[in-house]
């Protein structure tokens, strides 16, 4: 006798429910596995794009690029990645942007670039058929290029040279012509110091307490005016401050990577930050200012209609007061072959310091310290009512103290080969 047993409908529903859960779990596991696979592929491509931007920048260092040019980088890795490098300038700093793209994914890197040498020249003094005279507590460490008549000890106001060696390093002979800056940097400086220069960008109203940050990937922003007082403001990034008369920077402000351009620029005592200051007449850096790398202070005084623009003959075009520290480059350019000033164009006072480079196409007075390199047409000292030409009085130059990661100015026979700073 066969007995039949009915299965309740609820049990069947339970079995279907369990089966559905198992199916959903299996599908979820498959989806997670596929997602992880896709994520890994995307991560691998992103890493490859980042590495490609580094290769692209390194490749561009060996190429002769022009401003605004976009360089296509060969894909030696055969990864199907398109790499392009573009050269622009921010002030006189060279800026390169690298774009690496594959499909819908891309990665962009932007940075300032400069030149780095294995052997830093401590001093290049133009040969004007006069010897260099070293006086007091002055000291030069590193390779020097001197006039044919060499270097000798001197005396100013009863103070003579007090060290056993005249130069602590190799001596080479200089030429009657100073090494020239790279053509692009010279052109930038010349354009930004003309009477007719006016920048383009998004105008921003200056107000007390202004906090403004602008990425270098965005359009530039500009603060314009006649007399601009940067007090109690924070500016960072792709921002230019342009004045037709003067810019004053106060210790209450913080500037980072911004560009200042005006005929006259005053950086007051105790200012900290990093920026480029480009002027036509003069730049003054006050006591105990701390201007970080990569700061640039540049003045170009040019002729207009054959006549030199008037400046106060007793005011240095660039001056660093006691205790000021500038990490970067200081540049004075002048197209006058017969200067008549008694006051030096660059003056670096006692207990002030430059970590980087000083380039002066005329005369400079160095009483402070340069950790890096000096390239100058002449030294001068104004002491006790007397002017002394080609005298280095108490100043110190030490090329060995320049940090190895420093990337600086490009000269006519040298191109960018190092990243100075990655931008945002």
Protein backbone atom coordinates (compact mmCIF):
# COMPACT_ATOMS: atom_id res chain seq x y z
CA UNK A 1 0.00 0.00 0.00
CA UNK A 2 1.50 3.32 -1.09
CA UNK A 3 1.04 6.31 1.11
CA UNK A 4 1.14 9.77 -0.38
CA UNK A 5 2.26 12.80 1.55
CA UNK A 6 1.42 16.34 0.54
CA UNK A 7 4.13 18.99 0.79
CA UNK A 8 2.91 22.25 2.20
CA UNK A 9 3.04 25.33 -0.07
CA UNK A 10 5.00 27.26 2.59
CA UNK A 11 7.91 24.79 2.35
CA UNK A 12 8.06 25.26 -1.40
CA UNK A 13 8.09 29.02 -1.01
CA UNK A 14 10.94 28.67 1.50
CA UNK A 15 12.99 26.62 -0.97
CA UNK A 16 12.41 29.22 -3.71
CA UNK A 17 13.38 32.01 -1.29
CA UNK A 18 16.65 30.26 -0.35
CA UNK A 19 17.40 29.65 -4.00
CA UNK A 20 16.80 33.28 -4.81
CA UNK A 21 19.14 34.41 -2.02
CA UNK A 22 21.84 32.03 -3.24
CA UNK A 23 21.44 33.35 -6.79
CA UNK A 24 21.66 36.98 -5.61
CA UNK A 25 24.77 36.19 -3.55
CA UNK A 26 26.43 34.48 -6.51
CA UNK A 27 25.62 37.43 -8.75
CA UNK A 28 26.94 39.83 -6.10
CA UNK A 29 30.19 37.89 -5.82
CA UNK A 30 30.55 37.94 -9.60
CA UNK A 31 29.84 41.69 -9.69
CA UNK A 32 32.35 42.38 -6.89
CA UNK A 33 34.96 40.28 -8.66
CA UNK A 34 34.37 42.12 -11.93
CA UNK A 35 34.44 45.49 -10.14
CA UNK A 36 37.76 44.61 -8.50
CA UNK A 37 39.14 43.57 -11.88
CA UNK A 38 38.01 46.82 -13.51
CA UNK A 39 39.27 48.87 -10.56
CA UNK A 40 42.66 47.14 -10.78
CA UNK A 41 42.84 47.84 -14.51
CA UNK A 42 41.88 51.47 -13.95
CA UNK A 43 44.44 51.77 -11.14
CA UNK A 44 47.12 50.24 -13.36
CA UNK A 45 46.28 52.69 -16.15
CA UNK A 46 46.30 55.64 -13.71
CA UNK A 47 49.72 54.60 -12.39
CA UNK A 48 50.95 54.24 -15.98
CA UNK A 49 49.63 57.75 -16.78
CA UNK A 50 51.43 59.25 -13.76
CA UNK A 51 54.66 57.53 -14.77
CA UNK A 52 54.13 58.72 -18.35
CA UNK A 53 53.94 62.38 -17.23
CA UNK A 54 57.29 61.98 -15.47
CA UNK A 55 58.81 60.42 -18.61
CA UNK A 56 57.30 63.17 -20.74
CA UNK A 57 58.79 65.94 -18.62
CA UNK A 58 62.19 64.25 -18.60
CA UNK A 59 62.02 63.86 -22.39
CA UNK A 60 61.15 67.55 -22.85
CA UNK A 61 64.29 68.60 -20.97
CA UNK A 62 66.33 67.37 -23.93
CA UNK A 63 64.27 69.29 -26.50
CA UNK A 64 64.52 72.89 -27.67
CA UNK A 65 60.99 74.06 -26.85
CA UNK A 66 59.48 77.46 -27.58
CA UNK A 67 56.89 79.35 -25.57
CA UNK A 68 53.39 78.07 -26.33
CA UNK A 69 54.70 74.99 -28.14
CA UNK A 70 53.08 71.60 -27.50
CA UNK A 71 55.58 68.75 -27.80
CA UNK A 72 54.36 65.21 -28.55
CA UNK A 73 56.39 62.63 -26.63
CA UNK A 74 57.11 59.25 -28.28
CA UNK A 75 55.43 56.26 -26.60
CA UNK A 76 58.50 54.06 -26.22
CA UNK A 77 56.66 51.83 -23.73
CA UNK A 78 54.00 50.94 -26.34
CA UNK A 79 51.20 51.44 -23.83
CA UNK A 80 48.95 53.43 -26.13
CA UNK A 81 49.34 56.58 -24.06
CA UNK A 82 49.36 60.02 -25.70
CA UNK A 83 51.82 62.39 -23.98
CA UNK A 84 52.06 66.13 -24.68
CA UNK A 85 54.25 68.77 -23.00
CA UNK A 86 53.51 72.50 -23.22
CA UNK A 87 55.94 75.30 -22.35
CA UNK A 88 54.72 78.61 -20.88
CA UNK A 89 56.04 81.23 -18.46
CA UNK A 90 54.75 82.52 -15.15
CA UNK A 91 56.62 85.76 -14.74
CA UNK A 92 60.12 84.73 -15.74
CA UNK A 93 59.83 81.22 -14.31
CA UNK A 94 59.40 78.58 -16.97
CA UNK A 95 56.28 76.48 -16.50
CA UNK A 96 55.74 73.13 -18.18
CA UNK A 97 52.46 71.21 -18.28
CA UNK A 98 52.43 67.49 -19.09
CA UNK A 99 49.24 65.73 -20.23
CA UNK A 100 49.11 61.92 -20.44
CA UNK A 101 45.91 60.43 -21.85
CA UNK A 102 44.58 56.96 -22.63
CA UNK A 103 40.98 56.59 -23.66
CA UNK A 104 38.78 58.52 -21.24
CA UNK A 105 41.45 58.62 -18.54
CA UNK A 106 44.03 61.40 -18.30
CA UNK A 107 46.52 62.85 -15.84
CA UNK A 108 48.00 66.36 -15.82
CA UNK A 109 51.11 67.65 -14.06
CA UNK A 110 52.24 71.29 -14.01
CA UNK A 111 55.43 72.62 -12.49
CA UNK A 112 58.10 75.30 -12.57
CA UNK A 113 61.35 74.07 -14.10
CA UNK A 114 64.89 75.41 -13.95
CA UNK A 115 68.52 74.53 -14.49
CA UNK A 116 70.70 72.59 -12.09
CA UNK A 117 74.47 72.17 -12.54
CA UNK A 118 76.77 69.63 -10.97
CA UNK A 119 79.42 72.33 -10.55
CA UNK A 120 78.12 75.69 -9.36
CA UNK A 121 80.17 78.73 -10.36
CA UNK A 122 80.55 80.83 -7.21
CA UNK A 123 81.48 84.03 -9.06
CA UNK A 124 81.58 85.24 -12.64
CA UNK A 125 83.05 88.77 -12.77
CA UNK A 126 83.19 90.40 -16.18
CA UNK A 127 86.66 91.31 -17.45
CA UNK A 128 86.74 95.12 -17.70
CA UNK A 129 90.56 95.27 -17.63
CA UNK A 130 90.58 95.94 -13.87
CA UNK A 131 91.59 93.49 -11.13
CA UNK A 132 89.16 92.44 -8.45
CA UNK A 133 89.98 93.67 -4.95
CA UNK A 134 88.95 91.71 -1.86
CA UNK A 135 88.75 93.51 1.48
CA UNK A 136 87.92 92.89 5.14
CA UNK A 137 86.12 89.69 6.15
CA UNK A 138 85.13 88.76 2.58
CA UNK A 139 85.43 85.13 1.47
CA UNK A 140 84.79 83.31 -1.82
CA UNK A 141 84.36 79.52 -1.85
CA UNK A 142 84.03 77.66 -5.13
CA UNK A 143 85.02 78.07 -8.77
CA UNK A 144 85.47 81.69 -9.85
CA UNK A 145 85.81 83.41 -13.24
CA UNK A 146 87.96 86.53 -12.82
CA UNK A 147 89.36 89.27 -15.09
CA UNK A 148 92.74 88.66 -16.71
CA UNK A 149 94.35 90.93 -14.11
CA UNK A 150 93.16 88.58 -11.39
CA UNK A 151 92.38 89.30 -7.75
CA UNK A 152 94.35 91.10 -5.04
CA UNK A 153 94.04 92.24 -1.43
CA UNK A 154 92.92 95.80 -0.70
CA UNK A 155 92.20 98.25 2.09
CA UNK A 156 89.15 100.39 2.89
CA UNK A 157 89.25 102.78 5.84
CA UNK A 158 92.14 100.91 7.44
CA UNK A 159 90.54 97.46 7.07
CA UNK A 160 92.51 94.98 4.98
CA UNK A 161 91.88 91.41 3.90
CA UNK A 162 92.29 88.99 6.81
CA UNK A 163 92.41 85.48 5.29
CA UNK A 164 95.36 83.38 4.01
CA UNK A 165 93.81 82.64 0.58
CA UNK A 166 92.20 85.00 -1.90
CA UNK A 167 89.89 82.33 -3.33
CA UNK A 168 88.95 78.96 -1.85
CA UNK A 169 88.45 77.13 -5.13
CA UNK A 170 89.49 76.99 -8.79
CA UNK A 171 90.21 80.18 -10.76
CA UNK A 172 89.29 80.65 -14.41
CA UNK A 173 89.49 83.67 -16.70
CA UNK A 174 86.31 85.58 -17.52
CA UNK A 175 85.51 87.43 -20.76
CA UNK A 176 84.49 91.05 -21.50
CA UNK A 177 80.91 89.81 -22.03
CA UNK A 178 78.67 88.50 -19.26
CA UNK A 179 76.86 85.19 -19.78
CA UNK A 180 73.36 86.01 -20.99
CA UNK A 181 70.10 84.65 -19.66
CA UNK A 182 68.05 82.29 -21.81
CA UNK A 183 66.22 84.21 -24.54
CA UNK A 184 62.73 83.33 -23.29
CA UNK A 185 63.40 84.61 -19.78
CA UNK A 186 64.97 87.81 -21.15
CA UNK A 187 61.97 88.39 -23.39
CA UNK A 188 59.53 87.84 -20.52
CA UNK A 189 61.36 90.32 -18.31
CA UNK A 190 61.55 92.91 -21.10
CA UNK A 191 57.84 92.59 -21.95
CA UNK A 192 56.65 92.82 -18.35
CA UNK A 193 58.65 95.98 -17.64
CA UNK A 194 57.58 98.03 -20.65
CA UNK A 195 55.38 101.08 -20.20
CA UNK A 196 52.66 99.46 -22.31
CA UNK A 197 52.38 96.11 -20.52
CA UNK A 198 48.91 95.29 -19.22
CA UNK A 199 47.92 91.74 -18.27
CA UNK A 200 44.71 89.94 -19.21
CA UNK A 201 42.58 87.77 -16.96
CA UNK A 202 39.68 87.86 -14.54
CA UNK A 203 39.66 91.09 -12.51
CA UNK A 204 39.42 90.72 -8.72
CA UNK A 205 38.54 93.52 -6.31
CA UNK A 206 41.03 93.95 -3.48
CA UNK A 207 39.58 94.25 0.01
CA UNK A 208 40.83 93.99 3.56
CA UNK A 209 40.98 90.37 4.73
CA UNK A 210 40.78 88.96 1.17
CA UNK A 211 41.58 85.23 0.98
CA UNK A 212 41.98 84.03 -2.59
CA UNK A 213 43.42 80.82 -4.05
CA UNK A 214 43.45 80.10 -7.76
CA UNK A 215 44.73 76.91 -9.38
CA UNK A 216 47.22 77.09 -12.24
CA UNK A 217 44.75 74.91 -14.15
CA UNK A 218 42.25 77.79 -14.13
CA UNK A 219 42.26 81.16 -15.87
CA UNK A 220 44.50 83.73 -14.22
CA UNK A 221 43.05 86.30 -11.82
CA UNK A 222 44.33 89.87 -11.59
CA UNK A 223 44.30 92.57 -8.93
CA UNK A 224 44.73 95.94 -10.66
CA UNK A 225 45.29 99.46 -9.42
CA UNK A 226 47.58 102.46 -9.28
CA UNK A 227 48.87 102.19 -5.71
CA UNK A 228 48.15 98.72 -4.28
CA UNK A 229 48.53 98.07 -0.56
CA UNK A 230 48.60 94.34 0.18
CA UNK A 231 47.73 94.44 3.87
CA UNK A 232 45.99 91.60 5.70
CA UNK A 233 45.37 89.48 2.58
CA UNK A 234 46.17 85.89 1.61
CA UNK A 235 46.81 85.22 -2.07
CA UNK A 236 47.89 81.89 -3.50
CA UNK A 237 48.43 80.47 -6.98
CA UNK A 238 47.63 81.83 -10.44
CA UNK A 239 47.11 85.45 -9.34
CA UNK A 240 48.85 88.58 -10.64
CA UNK A 241 48.98 91.89 -8.79
CA UNK A 242 49.56 94.69 -11.30
CA UNK A 243 50.01 98.36 -10.39
CA UNK A 244 50.80 101.38 -12.55
CA UNK A 245 52.75 103.03 -9.71
CA UNK A 246 53.62 100.96 -6.64
CA UNK A 247 52.90 97.76 -4.70
CA UNK A 248 53.46 97.52 -0.94
CA UNK A 249 53.56 94.12 0.77
CA UNK A 250 52.96 94.04 4.54
CA UNK A 251 53.96 91.48 7.18
CA UNK A 252 50.23 90.86 7.81
CA UNK A 253 49.87 89.36 4.33
CA UNK A 254 50.76 85.91 3.02
CA UNK A 255 51.63 85.53 -0.66
CA UNK A 256 52.34 82.15 -2.24
CA UNK A 257 53.41 81.68 -5.88
CA UNK A 258 51.75 84.96 -6.94
CA UNK A 259 53.22 87.46 -9.38
CA UNK A 260 53.72 91.15 -8.54
CA UNK A 261 54.56 93.69 -11.23
CA UNK A 262 54.82 97.48 -10.89
CA UNK A 263 57.41 100.23 -11.40
CA UNK A 264 58.16 100.17 -7.65
CA UNK A 265 57.70 97.33 -5.17
CA UNK A 266 58.26 97.62 -1.42
CA UNK A 267 58.40 94.48 0.71
CA UNK A 268 58.11 95.69 4.30
CA UNK A 269 59.94 94.38 7.40
CA UNK A 270 59.04 90.87 8.52
CA UNK A 271 57.22 89.75 5.36
CA UNK A 272 57.18 85.99 4.75
CA UNK A 273 56.04 83.94 1.76
CA UNK A 274 57.25 83.29 -1.78
CA UNK A 275 56.45 85.23 -4.94
CA UNK A 276 57.87 86.88 -8.02
CA UNK A 277 58.36 90.65 -7.94
CA UNK A 278 59.13 92.28 -11.29
CA UNK A 279 59.70 96.03 -11.42
CA UNK A 280 60.91 98.76 -13.73
CA UNK A 281 62.44 101.12 -11.14
CA UNK A 282 63.23 99.46 -7.82
CA UNK A 283 62.46 96.70 -5.32
CA UNK A 284 63.16 97.08 -1.63
CA UNK A 285 63.09 94.13 0.80
CA UNK A 286 62.83 95.17 4.43
CA UNK A 287 64.53 93.90 7.56
CA UNK A 288 64.07 90.25 8.58
CA UNK A 289 61.88 89.41 5.59
CA UNK A 290 61.86 85.67 4.81
CA UNK A 291 61.14 85.02 1.13
CA UNK A 292 61.08 81.30 0.44
CA UNK A 293 62.08 79.29 -2.63
CA UNK A 294 61.34 79.90 -5.47
CA UNK A 295 61.22 83.68 -5.02
CA UNK A 296 62.33 85.94 -7.88
CA UNK A 297 63.17 89.65 -7.55
CA UNK A 298 63.84 91.21 -10.96
CA UNK A 299 64.30 94.78 -12.21
CA UNK A 300 64.88 95.83 -15.80
CA UNK A 301 65.63 99.48 -16.43
CA UNK A 302 65.44 100.08 -20.18
CA UNK A 303 65.72 102.95 -22.58
CA UNK A 304 62.55 104.50 -24.00
CA UNK A 305 62.94 106.43 -27.26
CA UNK A 306 66.69 106.29 -26.79
CA UNK A 307 66.56 107.75 -23.27
CA UNK A 308 66.92 105.84 -20.01
CA UNK A 309 63.90 106.02 -17.73
CA UNK A 310 64.66 108.27 -14.75
CA UNK A 311 65.33 106.67 -11.38
CA UNK A 312 66.70 108.14 -8.17
CA UNK A 313 70.47 107.95 -8.54
CA UNK A 314 71.02 107.39 -4.81
CA UNK A 315 68.57 104.47 -4.53
CA UNK A 316 69.66 100.90 -5.40
CA UNK A 317 67.40 99.23 -7.92
CA UNK A 318 67.25 96.15 -5.67
CA UNK A 319 68.10 96.27 -1.98
CA UNK A 320 68.01 93.72 0.83
CA UNK A 321 68.00 95.20 4.33
CA UNK A 322 69.65 93.64 7.39
CA UNK A 323 68.32 90.21 8.30
CA UNK A 324 66.46 89.65 5.01
CA UNK A 325 66.70 86.14 3.51
CA UNK A 326 65.76 85.46 -0.12
CA UNK A 327 65.74 81.89 -1.49
CA UNK A 328 65.70 82.06 -5.26
CA UNK A 329 66.99 84.52 -7.85
CA UNK A 330 67.78 88.24 -7.84
CA UNK A 331 68.17 89.87 -11.27
CA UNK A 332 69.05 93.36 -12.42
CA UNK A 333 69.12 94.01 -16.18
CA UNK A 334 70.16 97.24 -17.87
CA UNK A 335 70.81 97.92 -21.55
CA UNK A 336 73.01 100.95 -20.80
CA UNK A 337 76.65 100.27 -21.72
CA UNK A 338 77.91 103.36 -19.91
CA UNK A 339 76.33 103.58 -16.45
CA UNK A 340 76.81 106.84 -14.57
CA UNK A 341 75.43 105.91 -11.14
CA UNK A 342 77.64 105.98 -8.06
CA UNK A 343 75.23 103.81 -6.06
CA UNK A 344 75.23 100.09 -6.93
CA UNK A 345 72.23 98.69 -8.74
CA UNK A 346 71.96 95.77 -6.27
CA UNK A 347 72.80 96.19 -2.59
CA UNK A 348 72.82 93.25 -0.17
CA UNK A 349 73.36 94.54 3.34
CA UNK A 350 75.30 93.00 6.20
CA UNK A 351 73.57 89.99 7.87
CA UNK A 352 71.26 89.49 4.91
CA UNK A 353 71.41 86.36 2.74
CA UNK A 354 70.57 85.04 -0.69
CA UNK A 355 70.25 81.28 -1.16
CA UNK A 356 70.37 80.89 -4.92
CA UNK A 357 71.60 83.26 -7.62
CA UNK A 358 72.36 86.93 -8.14
CA UNK A 359 72.64 88.27 -11.69
CA UNK A 360 73.60 91.92 -12.20
CA UNK A 361 74.37 93.45 -15.58
CA UNK A 362 75.89 96.51 -13.87
CA UNK A 363 77.38 97.01 -10.38
CA UNK A 364 76.41 95.37 -7.09
CA UNK A 365 77.47 95.82 -3.49
CA UNK A 366 77.65 92.64 -1.42
CA UNK A 367 78.12 92.97 2.34
CA UNK A 368 75.94 90.01 3.24
CA UNK A 369 76.13 86.37 2.15
CA UNK A 370 75.27 84.45 -1.00
CA UNK A 371 74.94 80.68 -0.75
CA UNK A 372 75.11 79.95 -4.43
CA UNK A 373 76.27 81.98 -7.41
CA UNK A 374 76.97 85.62 -8.34
CA UNK A 375 77.24 86.84 -11.93
CA UNK A 376 78.03 90.54 -12.18
CA UNK A 377 79.48 93.23 -14.38
CA UNK A 378 81.29 94.78 -11.40
CA UNK A 379 81.40 95.14 -7.63
CA UNK A 380 81.27 98.55 -5.99
CA UNK A 381 81.45 99.89 -2.47
CA UNK A 382 80.39 103.32 -1.23
CA UNK A 383 82.14 103.93 2.12
CA UNK A 384 82.98 107.13 4.01
CA UNK A 385 82.07 109.28 1.04
CA UNK A 386 84.28 107.34 -1.34
CA UNK A 387 83.36 104.95 -4.15
CA UNK A 388 85.49 101.83 -4.68
CA UNK A 389 85.08 99.98 -7.98
CA UNK A 390 85.47 96.19 -8.21
CA UNK A 391 85.88 95.87 -4.44
CA UNK A 392 84.24 93.05 -2.47
CA UNK A 393 84.03 94.33 1.11
CA UNK A 394 83.04 91.83 3.84
CA UNK A 395 80.73 89.95 1.48
CA UNK A 396 80.75 86.15 1.34
CA UNK A 397 80.00 83.81 -1.58
CA UNK A 398 79.85 80.06 -1.01
CA UNK A 399 78.77 77.83 -3.89
CA UNK A 400 79.13 74.69 -1.76
CA UNK A 401 76.23 75.80 0.45
CA UNK A 402 73.67 75.83 -2.36
CA UNK A 403 71.19 72.95 -1.83
CA UNK A 404 71.56 70.16 -4.39
CA UNK A 405 67.86 70.24 -5.30
CA UNK A 406 68.05 73.91 -6.32
CA UNK A 407 66.88 74.60 -9.88
CA UNK A 408 67.63 78.09 -11.05
CA UNK A 409 68.06 80.44 -13.99
CA UNK A 410 68.71 79.14 -17.47
CA UNK A 411 71.55 80.79 -19.34
CA UNK A 412 71.93 80.96 -23.13
CA UNK A 413 73.81 77.67 -23.36
CA UNK A 414 71.85 75.84 -20.66
CA UNK A 415 68.28 74.60 -20.67
CA UNK A 416 65.87 73.48 -17.97
CA UNK A 417 66.69 70.07 -16.55
CA UNK A 418 65.05 69.97 -13.13
CA UNK A 419 61.65 70.47 -11.57
CA UNK A 420 61.66 73.49 -9.29
CA UNK A 421 58.18 73.08 -7.83
CA UNK A 422 55.01 71.14 -8.66
CA UNK A 423 51.97 73.37 -8.98
CA UNK A 424 48.35 72.87 -8.07
